[in-house]
Amino acid sequence: MLYLSDLRSYYLCCVPTDMRKGFDGLCGIVTSGLQMDALNEAVFIFFNRKRNQLKLLLWEGDGFAIYYKRLEKGTFEIPVANDGVSSVSITARQLQFILQGISLQTIQFRKRYKKAV
């Protein structure tokens, strides 16, 4: 079962991905395309060109897991990234919004107390 925690890092691949890729293919994209280590317990997020399919790749300590979602209607909204950037870091909350179909552009958070670090 997938649990989205703020303790993990989340990296969204900005380049459309072939959804036929499995564990080795996605790890290859992480290593060569994103220049990151697939074993660092981060969640790597991949979308197809149409943005109606999504795969999450994560290392669970003893092996990789892939979570796959295909929308029957509609598309996933992807955060805006600068040109030439291969990946974008997002939060667990942003990933949850993407999975639930909530528009990232119109979310407004109300003011809350946050302790200074």
PDB file of N, CA and C in Angstrom:
ATOM      1  N   MET A   1       0.836  -1.181   0.000  1.00  0.00           N
ATOM      2  CA  MET A   1       0.000   0.000   0.000  1.00  0.00           C
ATOM      3  C   MET A   1       0.878   1.240   0.000  1.00  0.00           C
ATOM      4  N   LEU A   2       0.508   2.208  -0.784  1.00  0.00           N
ATOM      5  CA  LEU A   2       1.279   3.437  -0.892  1.00  0.00           C
ATOM      6  C   LEU A   2       0.897   4.399   0.219  1.00  0.00           C
ATOM      7  N   TYR A   3       1.895   4.869   0.937  1.00  0.00           N
ATOM      8  CA  TYR A   3       1.692   5.858   1.977  1.00  0.00           C
ATOM      9  C   TYR A   3       2.548   7.068   1.631  1.00  0.00           C
ATOM     10  N   LEU A   4       1.917   8.223   1.437  1.00  0.00           N
ATOM     11  CA  LEU A   4       2.634   9.441   1.088  1.00  0.00           C
ATOM     12  C   LEU A   4       3.010  10.177   2.369  1.00  0.00           C
ATOM     13  N   SER A   5       4.298  10.237   2.642  1.00  0.00           N
ATOM     14  CA  SER A   5       4.806  10.831   3.877  1.00  0.00           C
ATOM     15  C   SER A   5       5.671  12.050   3.558  1.00  0.00           C
ATOM     16  N   ASP A   6       5.619  13.032   4.419  1.00  0.00           N
ATOM     17  CA  ASP A   6       6.478  14.207   4.257  1.00  0.00           C
ATOM     18  C   ASP A   6       7.942  13.880   4.522  1.00  0.00           C
ATOM     19  N   LEU A   7       8.221  12.695   5.051  1.00  0.00           N
ATOM     20  CA  LEU A   7       9.597  12.294   5.321  1.00  0.00           C
ATOM     21  C   LEU A   7      10.326  11.837   4.063  1.00  0.00           C
ATOM     22  N   ARG A   8       9.592  11.547   3.010  1.00  0.00           N
ATOM     23  CA  ARG A   8      10.188  11.141   1.735  1.00  0.00           C
ATOM     24  C   ARG A   8      10.357  12.358   0.829  1.00  0.00           C
ATOM     25  N   SER A   9      11.230  12.204  -0.157  1.00  0.00           N
ATOM     26  CA  SER A   9      11.372  13.201  -1.216  1.00  0.00           C
ATOM     27  C   SER A   9      10.602  12.695  -2.430  1.00  0.00           C
ATOM     28  N   TYR A  10      10.047  13.622  -3.203  1.00  0.00           N
ATOM     29  CA  TYR A  10       9.252  13.289  -4.379  1.00  0.00           C
ATOM     30  C   TYR A  10       9.814  14.056  -5.567  1.00  0.00           C
ATOM     31  N   TYR A  11      10.176  13.323  -6.620  1.00  0.00           N
ATOM     32  CA  TYR A  11      10.754  13.937  -7.803  1.00  0.00           C
ATOM     33  C   TYR A  11       9.905  13.584  -9.018  1.00  0.00           C
ATOM     34  N   LEU A  12       9.437  14.617  -9.697  1.00  0.00           N
ATOM     35  CA  LEU A  12       8.606  14.445 -10.872  1.00  0.00           C
ATOM     36  C   LEU A  12       9.482  14.583 -12.107  1.00  0.00           C
ATOM     37  N   CYS A  13       9.487  13.568 -12.944  1.00  0.00           N
ATOM     38  CA  CYS A  13      10.245  13.594 -14.190  1.00  0.00           C
ATOM     39  C   CYS A  13       9.488  14.471 -15.190  1.00  0.00           C
ATOM     40  N   CYS A  14      10.153  15.490 -15.726  1.00  0.00           N
ATOM     41  CA  CYS A  14       9.507  16.456 -16.620  1.00  0.00           C
ATOM     42  C   CYS A  14       9.427  15.987 -18.066  1.00  0.00           C
ATOM     43  N   VAL A  15      10.114  14.925 -18.383  1.00  0.00           N
ATOM     44  CA  VAL A  15      10.113  14.397 -19.750  1.00  0.00           C
ATOM     45  C   VAL A  15       9.084  13.268 -19.837  1.00  0.00           C
ATOM     46  N   PRO A  16       8.190  13.281 -20.851  1.00  0.00           N
ATOM     47  CA  PRO A  16       7.214  12.188 -20.986  1.00  0.00           C
ATOM     48  C   PRO A  16       7.915  10.824 -21.051  1.00  0.00           C
ATOM     49  N   THR A  17       7.309   9.827 -20.414  1.00  0.00           N
ATOM     50  CA  THR A  17       7.910   8.504 -20.282  1.00  0.00           C
ATOM     51  C   THR A  17       7.052   7.455 -20.972  1.00  0.00           C
ATOM     52  N   ASP A  18       7.715   6.495 -21.600  1.00  0.00           N
ATOM     53  CA  ASP A  18       7.031   5.354 -22.200  1.00  0.00           C
ATOM     54  C   ASP A  18       6.508   4.472 -21.064  1.00  0.00           C
ATOM     55  N   MET A  19       5.213   4.306 -20.960  1.00  0.00           N
ATOM     56  CA  MET A  19       4.619   3.559 -19.852  1.00  0.00           C
ATOM     57  C   MET A  19       4.825   2.045 -19.967  1.00  0.00           C
ATOM     58  N   ARG A  20       5.456   1.585 -21.033  1.00  0.00           N
ATOM     59  CA  ARG A  20       5.798   0.166 -21.116  1.00  0.00           C
ATOM     60  C   ARG A  20       7.041  -0.158 -20.289  1.00  0.00           C
ATOM     61  N   LYS A  21       7.747   0.855 -19.845  1.00  0.00           N
ATOM     62  CA  LYS A  21       8.966   0.632 -19.062  1.00  0.00           C
ATOM     63  C   LYS A  21       8.624   0.036 -17.705  1.00  0.00           C
ATOM     64  N   GLY A  22       9.468  -0.888 -17.281  1.00  0.00           N
ATOM     65  CA  GLY A  22       9.299  -1.538 -15.989  1.00  0.00           C
ATOM     66  C   GLY A  22      10.342  -1.046 -15.009  1.00  0.00           C
ATOM     67  N   PHE A  23      10.682  -1.898 -14.059  1.00  0.00           N
ATOM     68  CA  PHE A  23      11.630  -1.529 -13.007  1.00  0.00           C
ATOM     69  C   PHE A  23      12.969  -1.055 -13.566  1.00  0.00           C
ATOM     70  N   ASP A  24      13.588  -1.864 -14.416  1.00  0.00           N
ATOM     71  CA  ASP A  24      14.918  -1.530 -14.932  1.00  0.00           C
ATOM     72  C   ASP A  24      14.894  -0.287 -15.813  1.00  0.00           C
ATOM     73  N   GLY A  25      13.880  -0.163 -16.654  1.00  0.00           N
ATOM     74  CA  GLY A  25      13.782   1.004 -17.528  1.00  0.00           C
ATOM     75  C   GLY A  25      13.594   2.296 -16.753  1.00  0.00           C
ATOM     76  N   LEU A  26      12.734   2.271 -15.739  1.00  0.00           N
ATOM     77  CA  LEU A  26      12.507   3.467 -14.929  1.00  0.00           C
ATOM     78  C   LEU A  26      13.742   3.805 -14.084  1.00  0.00           C
ATOM     79  N   CYS A  27      14.420   2.767 -13.555  1.00  0.00           N
ATOM     80  CA  CYS A  27      15.669   3.004 -12.811  1.00  0.00           C
ATOM     81  C   CYS A  27      16.721   3.627 -13.727  1.00  0.00           C
ATOM     82  N   GLY A  28      16.743   3.210 -14.979  1.00  0.00           N
ATOM     83  CA  GLY A  28      17.669   3.787 -15.959  1.00  0.00           C
ATOM     84  C   GLY A  28      17.387   5.263 -16.182  1.00  0.00           C
ATOM     85  N   ILE A  29      16.123   5.638 -16.241  1.00  0.00           N
ATOM     86  CA  ILE A  29      15.765   7.053 -16.402  1.00  0.00           C
ATOM     87  C   ILE A  29      16.213   7.847 -15.177  1.00  0.00           C
ATOM     88  N   VAL A  30      16.000   7.287 -13.989  1.00  0.00           N
ATOM     89  CA  VAL A  30      16.403   7.974 -12.762  1.00  0.00           C
ATOM     90  C   VAL A  30      17.913   8.188 -12.741  1.00  0.00           C
ATOM     91  N   THR A  31      18.675   7.136 -13.084  1.00  0.00           N
ATOM     92  CA  THR A  31      20.127   7.218 -13.004  1.00  0.00           C
ATOM     93  C   THR A  31      20.730   8.086 -14.100  1.00  0.00           C
ATOM     94  N   SER A  32      20.349   7.831 -15.340  1.00  0.00           N
ATOM     95  CA  SER A  32      20.987   8.560 -16.437  1.00  0.00           C
ATOM     96  C   SER A  32      20.266   9.861 -16.785  1.00  0.00           C
ATOM     97  N   GLY A  33      18.949   9.863 -16.781  1.00  0.00           N
ATOM     98  CA  GLY A  33      18.208  11.055 -17.168  1.00  0.00           C
ATOM     99  C   GLY A  33      18.106  12.100 -16.073  1.00  0.00           C
ATOM    100  N   LEU A  34      17.820  11.646 -14.841  1.00  0.00           N
ATOM    101  CA  LEU A  34      17.641  12.584 -13.731  1.00  0.00           C
ATOM    102  C   LEU A  34      18.915  12.780 -12.907  1.00  0.00           C
ATOM    103  N   GLN A  35      19.935  11.945 -13.170  1.00  0.00           N
ATOM    104  CA  GLN A  35      21.210  12.007 -12.447  1.00  0.00           C
ATOM    105  C   GLN A  35      21.018  11.827 -10.937  1.00  0.00           C
ATOM    106  N   MET A  36      20.176  10.857 -10.555  1.00  0.00           N
ATOM    107  CA  MET A  36      19.918  10.585  -9.145  1.00  0.00           C
ATOM    108  C   MET A  36      20.100   9.097  -8.870  1.00  0.00           C
ATOM    109  N   ASP A  37      20.136   8.762  -7.589  1.00  0.00           N
ATOM    110  CA  ASP A  37      20.256   7.372  -7.162  1.00  0.00           C
ATOM    111  C   ASP A  37      18.857   6.832  -6.882  1.00  0.00           C
ATOM    112  N   ALA A  38      18.469   5.785  -7.593  1.00  0.00           N
ATOM    113  CA  ALA A  38      17.135   5.195  -7.432  1.00  0.00           C
ATOM    114  C   ALA A  38      16.964   4.528  -6.067  1.00  0.00           C
ATOM    115  N   LEU A  39      18.052   4.269  -5.359  1.00  0.00           N
ATOM    116  CA  LEU A  39      17.994   3.589  -4.066  1.00  0.00           C
ATOM    117  C   LEU A  39      17.905   4.547  -2.885  1.00  0.00           C
ATOM    118  N   ASN A  40      17.651   5.830  -3.110  1.00  0.00           N
ATOM    119  CA  ASN A  40      17.670   6.784  -2.000  1.00  0.00           C
ATOM    120  C   ASN A  40      16.331   6.929  -1.288  1.00  0.00           C
ATOM    121  N   GLU A  41      15.419   6.001  -1.503  1.00  0.00           N
ATOM    122  CA  GLU A  41      14.107   5.963  -0.845  1.00  0.00           C
ATOM    123  C   GLU A  41      13.225   7.163  -1.179  1.00  0.00           C
ATOM    124  N   ALA A  42      13.493   7.801  -2.308  1.00  0.00           N
ATOM    125  CA  ALA A  42      12.611   8.861  -2.802  1.00  0.00           C
ATOM    126  C   ALA A  42      11.572   8.218  -3.717  1.00  0.00           C
ATOM    127  N   VAL A  43      10.526   8.961  -4.001  1.00  0.00           N
ATOM    128  CA  VAL A  43       9.502   8.519  -4.941  1.00  0.00           C
ATOM    129  C   VAL A  43       9.731   9.272  -6.244  1.00  0.00           C
ATOM    130  N   PHE A  44       9.841   8.529  -7.336  1.00  0.00           N
ATOM    131  CA  PHE A  44      10.048   9.120  -8.654  1.00  0.00           C
ATOM    132  C   PHE A  44       8.752   8.981  -9.440  1.00  0.00           C
ATOM    133  N   ILE A  45       8.292  10.087 -10.015  1.00  0.00           N
ATOM    134  CA  ILE A  45       6.976  10.159 -10.647  1.00  0.00           C
ATOM    135  C   ILE A  45       7.159  10.352 -12.147  1.00  0.00           C
ATOM    136  N   PHE A  46       6.486   9.508 -12.916  1.00  0.00           N
ATOM    137  CA  PHE A  46       6.593   9.542 -14.375  1.00  0.00           C
ATOM    138  C   PHE A  46       5.198   9.640 -14.991  1.00  0.00           C
ATOM    139  N   PHE A  47       5.071  10.449 -16.047  1.00  0.00           N
ATOM    140  CA  PHE A  47       3.824  10.591 -16.797  1.00  0.00           C
ATOM    141  C   PHE A  47       4.067  10.247 -18.248  1.00  0.00           C
ATOM    142  N   ASN A  48       3.012   9.803 -18.933  1.00  0.00           N
ATOM    143  CA  ASN A  48       3.119   9.609 -20.370  1.00  0.00           C
ATOM    144  C   ASN A  48       2.863  10.945 -21.076  1.00  0.00           C
ATOM    145  N   ARG A  49       3.002  10.964 -22.390  1.00  0.00           N
ATOM    146  CA  ARG A  49       2.859  12.200 -23.159  1.00  0.00           C
ATOM    147  C   ARG A  49       1.460  12.805 -23.035  1.00  0.00           C
ATOM    148  N   LYS A  50       0.421  11.955 -23.021  1.00  0.00           N
ATOM    149  CA  LYS A  50      -0.959  12.438 -22.915  1.00  0.00           C
ATOM    150  C   LYS A  50      -1.323  12.869 -21.498  1.00  0.00           C
ATOM    151  N   ARG A  51      -0.502  12.503 -20.521  1.00  0.00           N
ATOM    152  CA  ARG A  51      -0.715  12.779 -19.094  1.00  0.00           C
ATOM    153  C   ARG A  51      -1.989  12.116 -18.550  1.00  0.00           C
ATOM    154  N   ASN A  52      -2.335  10.964 -19.102  1.00  0.00           N
ATOM    155  CA  ASN A  52      -3.463  10.210 -18.553  1.00  0.00           C
ATOM    156  C   ASN A  52      -2.993   8.935 -17.850  1.00  0.00           C
ATOM    157  N   GLN A  53      -1.672   8.727 -17.815  1.00  0.00           N
ATOM    158  CA  GLN A  53      -1.087   7.588 -17.112  1.00  0.00           C
ATOM    159  C   GLN A  53       0.072   8.077 -16.254  1.00  0.00           C
ATOM    160  N   LEU A  54       0.235   7.436 -15.112  1.00  0.00           N
ATOM    161  CA  LEU A  54       1.255   7.833 -14.156  1.00  0.00           C
ATOM    162  C   LEU A  54       1.860   6.591 -13.532  1.00  0.00           C
ATOM    163  N   LYS A  55       3.175   6.616 -13.320  1.00  0.00           N
ATOM    164  CA  LYS A  55       3.858   5.547 -12.589  1.00  0.00           C
ATOM    165  C   LYS A  55       4.704   6.179 -11.499  1.00  0.00           C
ATOM    166  N   LEU A  56       4.685   5.548 -10.345  1.00  0.00           N
ATOM    167  CA  LEU A  56       5.534   5.946  -9.221  1.00  0.00           C
ATOM    168  C   LEU A  56       6.523   4.818  -8.977  1.00  0.00           C
ATOM    169  N   LEU A  57       7.783   5.145  -8.899  1.00  0.00           N
ATOM    170  CA  LEU A  57       8.829   4.162  -8.610  1.00  0.00           C
ATOM    171  C   LEU A  57       9.451   4.526  -7.271  1.00  0.00           C
ATOM    172  N   LEU A  58       9.519   3.537  -6.369  1.00  0.00           N
ATOM    173  CA  LEU A  58      10.166   3.796  -5.090  1.00  0.00           C
ATOM    174  C   LEU A  58      10.883   2.562  -4.582  1.00  0.00           C
ATOM    175  N   TRP A  59      11.967   2.819  -3.877  1.00  0.00           N
ATOM    176  CA  TRP A  59      12.746   1.777  -3.217  1.00  0.00           C
ATOM    177  C   TRP A  59      12.178   1.609  -1.818  1.00  0.00           C
ATOM    178  N   GLU A  60      11.811   0.389  -1.450  1.00  0.00           N
ATOM    179  CA  GLU A  60      11.197   0.131  -0.147  1.00  0.00           C
ATOM    180  C   GLU A  60      12.140  -0.552   0.829  1.00  0.00           C
ATOM    181  N   GLY A  61      13.429  -0.438   0.594  1.00  0.00           N
ATOM    182  CA  GLY A  61      14.405  -1.006   1.519  1.00  0.00           C
ATOM    183  C   GLY A  61      14.869  -2.389   1.119  1.00  0.00           C
ATOM    184  N   ASP A  62      13.977  -3.210   0.579  1.00  0.00           N
ATOM    185  CA  ASP A  62      14.356  -4.559   0.165  1.00  0.00           C
ATOM    186  C   ASP A  62      14.016  -4.828  -1.300  1.00  0.00           C
ATOM    187  N   GLY A  63      13.482  -3.833  -1.981  1.00  0.00           N
ATOM    188  CA  GLY A  63      13.136  -3.987  -3.390  1.00  0.00           C
ATOM    189  C   GLY A  63      12.360  -2.784  -3.885  1.00  0.00           C
ATOM    190  N   PHE A  64      12.196  -2.734  -5.190  1.00  0.00           N
ATOM    191  CA  PHE A  64      11.462  -1.632  -5.811  1.00  0.00           C
ATOM    192  C   PHE A  64       9.977  -1.947  -5.869  1.00  0.00           C
ATOM    193  N   ALA A  65       9.183  -0.898  -5.846  1.00  0.00           N
ATOM    194  CA  ALA A  65       7.737  -1.011  -6.051  1.00  0.00           C
ATOM    195  C   ALA A  65       7.352  -0.006  -7.129  1.00  0.00           C
ATOM    196  N   ILE A  66       6.416  -0.404  -7.972  1.00  0.00           N
ATOM    197  CA  ILE A  66       5.855   0.496  -8.978  1.00  0.00           C
ATOM    198  C   ILE A  66       4.366   0.592  -8.723  1.00  0.00           C
ATOM    199  N   TYR A  67       3.882   1.818  -8.652  1.00  0.00           N
ATOM    200  CA  TYR A  67       2.447   2.069  -8.551  1.00  0.00           C
ATOM    201  C   TYR A  67       2.025   2.726  -9.857  1.00  0.00           C
ATOM    202  N   TYR A  68       0.957   2.218 -10.443  1.00  0.00           N
ATOM    203  CA  TYR A  68       0.540   2.642 -11.777  1.00  0.00           C
ATOM    204  C   TYR A  68      -0.923   3.063 -11.740  1.00  0.00           C
ATOM    205  N   LYS A  69      -1.219   4.195 -12.353  1.00  0.00           N
ATOM    206  CA  LYS A  69      -2.600   4.646 -12.423  1.00  0.00           C
ATOM    207  C   LYS A  69      -2.881   5.137 -13.842  1.00  0.00           C
ATOM    208  N   ARG A  70      -4.004   4.688 -14.396  1.00  0.00           N
ATOM    209  CA  ARG A  70      -4.445   5.129 -15.715  1.00  0.00           C
ATOM    210  C   ARG A  70      -5.826   5.745 -15.562  1.00  0.00           C
ATOM    211  N   LEU A  71      -5.975   6.963 -16.031  1.00  0.00           N
ATOM    212  CA  LEU A  71      -7.270   7.630 -15.980  1.00  0.00           C
ATOM    213  C   LEU A  71      -8.121   7.199 -17.164  1.00  0.00           C
ATOM    214  N   GLU A  72      -9.377   6.907 -16.926  1.00  0.00           N
ATOM    215  CA  GLU A  72     -10.298   6.568 -18.002  1.00  0.00           C
ATOM    216  C   GLU A  72     -10.789   7.820 -18.709  1.00  0.00           C
ATOM    217  N   LYS A  73     -10.768   8.948 -18.003  1.00  0.00           N
ATOM    218  CA  LYS A  73     -11.199  10.214 -18.584  1.00  0.00           C
ATOM    219  C   LYS A  73     -10.423  11.325 -17.899  1.00  0.00           C
ATOM    220  N   GLY A  74      -9.979  12.318 -18.662  1.00  0.00           N
ATOM    221  CA  GLY A  74      -9.254  13.451 -18.097  1.00  0.00           C
ATOM    222  C   GLY A  74      -7.751  13.234 -18.112  1.00  0.00           C
ATOM    223  N   THR A  75      -7.040  14.215 -17.544  1.00  0.00           N
ATOM    224  CA  THR A  75      -5.580  14.170 -17.496  1.00  0.00           C
ATOM    225  C   THR A  75      -5.097  14.595 -16.111  1.00  0.00           C
ATOM    226  N   PHE A  76      -3.856  14.241 -15.827  1.00  0.00           N
ATOM    227  CA  PHE A  76      -3.202  14.687 -14.604  1.00  0.00           C
ATOM    228  C   PHE A  76      -2.631  16.076 -14.852  1.00  0.00           C
ATOM    229  N   GLU A  77      -2.698  16.939 -13.844  1.00  0.00           N
ATOM    230  CA  GLU A  77      -2.057  18.248 -13.947  1.00  0.00           C
ATOM    231  C   GLU A  77      -0.648  18.130 -13.412  1.00  0.00           C
ATOM    232  N   ILE A  78       0.296  18.663 -14.170  1.00  0.00           N
ATOM    233  CA  ILE A  78       1.703  18.613 -13.788  1.00  0.00           C
ATOM    234  C   ILE A  78       2.159  20.017 -13.418  1.00  0.00           C
ATOM    235  N   PRO A  79       2.916  20.173 -12.335  1.00  0.00           N
ATOM    236  CA  PRO A  79       3.420  21.507 -11.983  1.00  0.00           C
ATOM    237  C   PRO A  79       4.280  22.091 -13.100  1.00  0.00           C
ATOM    238  N   VAL A  80       4.241  23.392 -13.247  1.00  0.00           N
ATOM    239  CA  VAL A  80       5.008  24.078 -14.281  1.00  0.00           C
ATOM    240  C   VAL A  80       6.489  24.010 -13.921  1.00  0.00           C
ATOM    241  N   ALA A  81       7.314  23.647 -14.915  1.00  0.00           N
ATOM    242  CA  ALA A  81       8.760  23.548 -14.711  1.00  0.00           C
ATOM    243  C   ALA A  81       9.470  24.418 -15.729  1.00  0.00           C
ATOM    244  N   ASN A  82      10.657  24.869 -15.391  1.00  0.00           N
ATOM    245  CA  ASN A  82      11.469  25.657 -16.325  1.00  0.00           C
ATOM    246  C   ASN A  82      11.931  24.781 -17.475  1.00  0.00           C
ATOM    247  N   ASP A  83      12.138  25.382 -18.628  1.00  0.00           N
ATOM    248  CA  ASP A  83      12.631  24.642 -19.791  1.00  0.00           C
ATOM    249  C   ASP A  83      14.017  24.081 -19.514  1.00  0.00           C
ATOM    250  N   GLY A  84      14.256  22.871 -19.989  1.00  0.00           N
ATOM    251  CA  GLY A  84      15.550  22.233 -19.825  1.00  0.00           C
ATOM    252  C   GLY A  84      15.738  21.518 -18.503  1.00  0.00           C
ATOM    253  N   VAL A  85      14.765  21.606 -17.605  1.00  0.00           N
ATOM    254  CA  VAL A  85      14.862  20.941 -16.308  1.00  0.00           C
ATOM    255  C   VAL A  85      14.351  19.516 -16.463  1.00  0.00           C
ATOM    256  N   SER A  86      15.117  18.542 -15.968  1.00  0.00           N
ATOM    257  CA  SER A  86      14.725  17.140 -16.137  1.00  0.00           C
ATOM    258  C   SER A  86      13.781  16.653 -15.042  1.00  0.00           C
ATOM    259  N   SER A  87      13.843  17.294 -13.850  1.00  0.00           N
ATOM    260  CA  SER A  87      12.958  16.881 -12.767  1.00  0.00           C
ATOM    261  C   SER A  87      12.620  18.065 -11.869  1.00  0.00           C
ATOM    262  N   VAL A  88      11.504  17.913 -11.162  1.00  0.00           N
ATOM    263  CA  VAL A  88      11.037  18.933 -10.223  1.00  0.00           C
ATOM    264  C   VAL A  88      10.744  18.241  -8.906  1.00  0.00           C
ATOM    265  N   SER A  89      11.152  18.861  -7.817  1.00  0.00           N
ATOM    266  CA  SER A  89      10.846  18.327  -6.493  1.00  0.00           C
ATOM    267  C   SER A  89       9.466  18.834  -6.077  1.00  0.00           C
ATOM    268  N   ILE A  90       8.609  17.922  -5.622  1.00  0.00           N
ATOM    269  CA  ILE A  90       7.278  18.301  -5.152  1.00  0.00           C
ATOM    270  C   ILE A  90       7.074  17.725  -3.751  1.00  0.00           C
ATOM    271  N   THR A  91       6.004  18.120  -3.102  1.00  0.00           N
ATOM    272  CA  THR A  91       5.704  17.630  -1.757  1.00  0.00           C
ATOM    273  C   THR A  91       4.714  16.466  -1.839  1.00  0.00           C
ATOM    274  N   ALA A  92       4.573  15.768  -0.732  1.00  0.00           N
ATOM    275  CA  ALA A  92       3.599  14.670  -0.660  1.00  0.00           C
ATOM    276  C   ALA A  92       2.194  15.207  -0.879  1.00  0.00           C
ATOM    277  N   ARG A  93       1.913  16.380  -0.367  1.00  0.00           N
ATOM    278  CA  ARG A  93       0.593  16.992  -0.529  1.00  0.00           C
ATOM    279  C   ARG A  93       0.308  17.309  -1.994  1.00  0.00           C
ATOM    280  N   GLN A  94       1.313  17.837  -2.711  1.00  0.00           N
ATOM    281  CA  GLN A  94       1.129  18.120  -4.134  1.00  0.00           C
ATOM    282  C   GLN A  94       0.867  16.836  -4.923  1.00  0.00           C
ATOM    283  N   LEU A  95       1.591  15.769  -4.585  1.00  0.00           N
ATOM    284  CA  LEU A  95       1.354  14.490  -5.259  1.00  0.00           C
ATOM    285  C   LEU A  95      -0.056  13.993  -4.978  1.00  0.00           C
ATOM    286  N   GLN A  96      -0.511  14.138  -3.759  1.00  0.00           N
ATOM    287  CA  GLN A  96      -1.877  13.731  -3.414  1.00  0.00           C
ATOM    288  C   GLN A  96      -2.891  14.523  -4.235  1.00  0.00           C
ATOM    289  N   PHE A  97      -2.673  15.823  -4.383  1.00  0.00           N
ATOM    290  CA  PHE A  97      -3.559  16.655  -5.202  1.00  0.00           C
ATOM    291  C   PHE A  97      -3.559  16.188  -6.651  1.00  0.00           C
ATOM    292  N   ILE A  98      -2.385  15.868  -7.188  1.00  0.00           N
ATOM    293  CA  ILE A  98      -2.280  15.391  -8.569  1.00  0.00           C
ATOM    294  C   ILE A  98      -3.078  14.099  -8.733  1.00  0.00           C
ATOM    295  N   LEU A  99      -2.912  13.163  -7.800  1.00  0.00           N
ATOM    296  CA  LEU A  99      -3.607  11.873  -7.886  1.00  0.00           C
ATOM    297  C   LEU A  99      -5.123  12.020  -7.762  1.00  0.00           C
ATOM    298  N   GLN A 100      -5.581  13.015  -6.996  1.00  0.00           N
ATOM    299  CA  GLN A 100      -7.008  13.215  -6.781  1.00  0.00           C
ATOM    300  C   GLN A 100      -7.649  14.108  -7.833  1.00  0.00           C
ATOM    301  N   GLY A 101      -6.848  14.700  -8.720  1.00  0.00           N
ATOM    302  CA  GLY A 101      -7.399  15.543  -9.771  1.00  0.00           C
ATOM    303  C   GLY A 101      -7.690  16.963  -9.336  1.00  0.00           C
ATOM    304  N   ILE A 102      -7.049  17.424  -8.284  1.00  0.00           N
ATOM    305  CA  ILE A 102      -7.250  18.786  -7.799  1.00  0.00           C
ATOM    306  C   ILE A 102      -6.304  19.715  -8.552  1.00  0.00           C
ATOM    307  N   SER A 103      -6.819  20.856  -9.030  1.00  0.00           N
ATOM    308  CA  SER A 103      -6.012  21.817  -9.786  1.00  0.00           C
ATOM    309  C   SER A 103      -4.968  22.453  -8.877  1.00  0.00           C
ATOM    310  N   LEU A 104      -3.714  22.373  -9.279  1.00  0.00           N
ATOM    311  CA  LEU A 104      -2.622  22.928  -8.485  1.00  0.00           C
ATOM    312  C   LEU A 104      -2.567  24.451  -8.582  1.00  0.00           C
ATOM    313  N   GLN A 105      -3.156  25.016  -9.628  1.00  0.00           N
ATOM    314  CA  GLN A 105      -3.109  26.460  -9.844  1.00  0.00           C
ATOM    315  C   GLN A 105      -4.084  27.217  -8.944  1.00  0.00           C
ATOM    316  N   THR A 106      -5.176  26.593  -8.526  1.00  0.00           N
ATOM    317  CA  THR A 106      -6.218  27.320  -7.801  1.00  0.00           C
ATOM    318  C   THR A 106      -6.281  27.005  -6.312  1.00  0.00           C
ATOM    319  N   ILE A 107      -5.350  26.243  -5.809  1.00  0.00           N
ATOM    320  CA  ILE A 107      -5.351  25.899  -4.380  1.00  0.00           C
ATOM    321  C   ILE A 107      -4.916  27.118  -3.576  1.00  0.00           C
ATOM    322  N   GLN A 108      -5.689  27.432  -2.563  1.00  0.00           N
ATOM    323  CA  GLN A 108      -5.330  28.523  -1.664  1.00  0.00           C
ATOM    324  C   GLN A 108      -5.378  27.998  -0.233  1.00  0.00           C
ATOM    325  N   PHE A 109      -4.279  28.163   0.468  1.00  0.00           N
ATOM    326  CA  PHE A 109      -4.212  27.713   1.851  1.00  0.00           C
ATOM    327  C   PHE A 109      -4.475  28.896   2.782  1.00  0.00           C
ATOM    328  N   ARG A 110      -5.215  28.648   3.822  1.00  0.00           N
ATOM    329  CA  ARG A 110      -5.490  29.686   4.820  1.00  0.00           C
ATOM    330  C   ARG A 110      -4.295  29.804   5.757  1.00  0.00           C
ATOM    331  N   LYS A 111      -4.147  30.954   6.339  1.00  0.00           N
ATOM    332  CA  LYS A 111      -3.024  31.244   7.217  1.00  0.00           C
ATOM    333  C   LYS A 111      -3.070  30.348   8.459  1.00  0.00           C
ATOM    334  N   ARG A 112      -1.928  29.777   8.812  1.00  0.00           N
ATOM    335  CA  ARG A 112      -1.790  28.928   9.987  1.00  0.00           C
ATOM    336  C   ARG A 112      -0.478  29.253  10.694  1.00  0.00           C
ATOM    337  N   TYR A 113      -0.422  28.932  11.971  1.00  0.00           N
ATOM    338  CA  TYR A 113       0.791  29.115  12.743  1.00  0.00           C
ATOM    339  C   TYR A 113       1.829  28.082  12.328  1.00  0.00           C
ATOM    340  N   LYS A 114       3.063  28.531  12.186  1.00  0.00           N
ATOM    341  CA  LYS A 114       4.164  27.616  11.919  1.00  0.00           C
ATOM    342  C   LYS A 114       5.347  28.070  12.742  1.00  0.00           C
ATOM    343  N   LYS A 115       5.853  27.175  13.573  1.00  0.00           N
ATOM    344  CA  LYS A 115       6.965  27.498  14.458  1.00  0.00           C
ATOM    345  C   LYS A 115       8.219  27.766  13.641  1.00  0.00           C
ATOM    346  N   ALA A 116       8.920  28.842  13.976  1.00  0.00           N
ATOM    347  CA  ALA A 116      10.163  29.181  13.302  1.00  0.00           C
ATOM    348  C   ALA A 116      11.242  28.168  13.662  1.00  0.00           C
ATOM    349  N   VAL A 117      12.058  27.816  12.698  1.00  0.00           N
ATOM    350  CA  VAL A 117      13.099  26.814  12.917  1.00  0.00           C
ATOM    351  C   VAL A 117      14.369  27.451  13.359  1.00  0.00           C
TER     352      VAL A 117
END
